[in-house]
Protein backbone atom coordinates (compact mmCIF):
# COMPACT_ATOMS: atom_id res chain seq x y z
CA MET A 1 -11.20 -2.74 -22.51
CA GLN A 2 -12.22 -0.37 -25.37
CA THR A 3 -15.57 -0.71 -24.36
CA ASN A 4 -15.07 0.31 -20.70
CA SER A 5 -13.09 3.43 -22.19
CA ILE A 6 -15.68 4.07 -24.58
CA LYS A 7 -18.17 4.18 -21.52
CA ALA A 8 -16.10 6.42 -19.13
CA CYS A 9 -15.59 8.95 -22.31
CA GLY A 10 -19.27 8.80 -22.91
CA LEU A 11 -20.12 9.27 -18.97
CA VAL A 12 -17.28 12.31 -18.98
CA LEU A 13 -19.16 13.74 -21.84
CA LEU A 14 -22.48 13.17 -20.52
CA LEU A 15 -21.65 14.86 -17.14
CA MET A 16 -20.15 17.73 -18.91
CA VAL A 17 -23.28 18.34 -20.87
CA PHE A 18 -25.38 17.85 -17.62
CA VAL A 19 -23.00 20.55 -15.60
CA ALA A 20 -22.75 22.94 -18.48
CA CYS A 21 -26.61 22.87 -19.16
CA SER A 22 -27.60 23.05 -15.55
CA PRO A 23 -28.63 26.85 -14.80
CA ASP A 24 -26.11 27.27 -11.80
CA SER A 25 -23.10 26.36 -14.17
CA GLU A 26 -24.21 29.78 -15.96
CA LYS A 27 -23.93 31.44 -12.47
CA VAL A 28 -20.44 29.87 -11.71
CA GLU A 29 -18.89 30.47 -15.12
CA ASP A 30 -20.00 34.57 -14.73
CA ARG A 31 -18.42 34.56 -11.40
CA ILE A 32 -14.86 33.11 -12.17
CA ASP A 33 -12.17 32.66 -14.85
CA GLY A 34 -11.87 29.66 -17.20
CA THR A 35 -9.20 28.03 -15.25
CA GLU A 36 -11.13 27.99 -12.06
CA TYR A 37 -14.29 26.80 -13.87
CA MET A 38 -12.55 23.92 -15.49
CA VAL A 39 -11.17 22.97 -11.97
CA TYR A 40 -14.63 23.35 -10.90
CA LEU A 41 -16.04 21.13 -13.98
CA LEU A 42 -13.18 18.49 -13.17
CA ASP A 43 -14.03 18.65 -9.56
CA SER A 44 -17.84 18.00 -10.38
CA ILE A 45 -16.79 14.96 -12.95
CA ALA A 46 -14.70 13.05 -10.28
CA GLU A 47 -17.33 13.51 -7.59
CA HIS A 48 -20.03 12.06 -9.62
CA SER A 49 -17.69 9.26 -11.46
CA ASP A 50 -18.27 5.81 -10.71
CA PRO A 51 -15.04 3.75 -9.77
CA THR A 52 -16.47 0.56 -11.17
CA GLN A 53 -16.69 2.01 -14.74
CA ASN A 54 -14.01 4.37 -14.56
CA TYR A 55 -10.67 2.19 -14.45
CA HIS A 56 -8.49 5.68 -13.33
CA MET A 57 -10.13 5.57 -10.09
CA ASN A 58 -8.09 2.69 -8.92
CA LEU A 59 -7.64 3.60 -5.02
CA ALA A 60 -11.58 4.10 -4.91
CA LEU A 61 -12.08 0.97 -6.16
CA ALA A 62 -9.62 -0.53 -4.08
CA GLU A 63 -11.67 0.34 -1.15
CA ILE A 64 -14.46 -1.04 -2.66
CA TYR A 65 -13.07 -4.52 -3.00
CA LYS A 66 -11.76 -4.40 0.68
CA GLN A 67 -15.04 -3.54 1.96
CA GLU A 68 -16.73 -6.35 0.10
CA MET A 69 -13.66 -8.86 1.13
CA GLU A 70 -14.23 -7.83 4.70
CA ALA A 71 -17.84 -8.34 4.18
CA SER A 72 -17.82 -11.71 2.55
CA ASN A 73 -18.10 -15.01 4.48
CA ASN A 74 -16.70 -17.00 1.39
CA PRO A 75 -13.09 -17.85 1.52
CA GLY A 76 -12.74 -18.31 -2.12
CA GLU A 77 -14.62 -14.95 -2.69
CA GLN A 78 -12.59 -13.05 -0.34
CA THR A 79 -9.47 -14.51 -2.00
CA MET A 80 -10.58 -13.45 -5.12
CA LEU A 81 -11.43 -9.84 -3.76
CA TYR A 82 -7.99 -9.56 -2.26
CA PHE A 83 -6.48 -10.27 -5.53
CA GLN A 84 -8.51 -7.55 -6.88
CA TYR A 85 -7.86 -5.42 -3.96
CA SER A 86 -4.18 -5.55 -4.40
CA GLN A 87 -4.24 -5.11 -7.93
CA GLU A 88 -6.17 -2.04 -7.76
CA LEU A 89 -3.65 -0.61 -5.02
CA LEU A 90 -0.80 -1.55 -7.66
CA ASN A 91 -2.35 0.19 -10.40
CA GLY A 92 -3.03 3.33 -7.90
CA GLY A 93 0.59 3.47 -6.93
CA ARG A 94 0.38 1.79 -3.32
CA VAL A 95 3.04 -0.60 -3.74
CA VAL A 96 4.26 -1.17 -0.42
CA THR A 97 0.57 -1.71 1.02
CA ALA A 98 -0.33 -4.16 -2.12
CA ILE A 99 2.47 -6.76 -1.19
CA GLN A 100 1.94 -6.52 2.70
């Protein structure tokens, strides 16, 4: 679990450096204040995050499991993916959907 959080932090830091060092980010920073720039930066990080590597993106990961479950022809794999799909829905706050 710590390894995943370290990887997620590393990814966030890498994206922050990438965004901060790109020439376009200086132009954006000049045009908007600090709060709006932080919103821009966080949106950029969220847009480029991988749900399989970021355990905070539960609903996006649930969609991935749902697509894999629907594409699978193996009943055992479908059962496993259904459990993972439901677990991510629960973690994402979609309790009613998870128990249906």
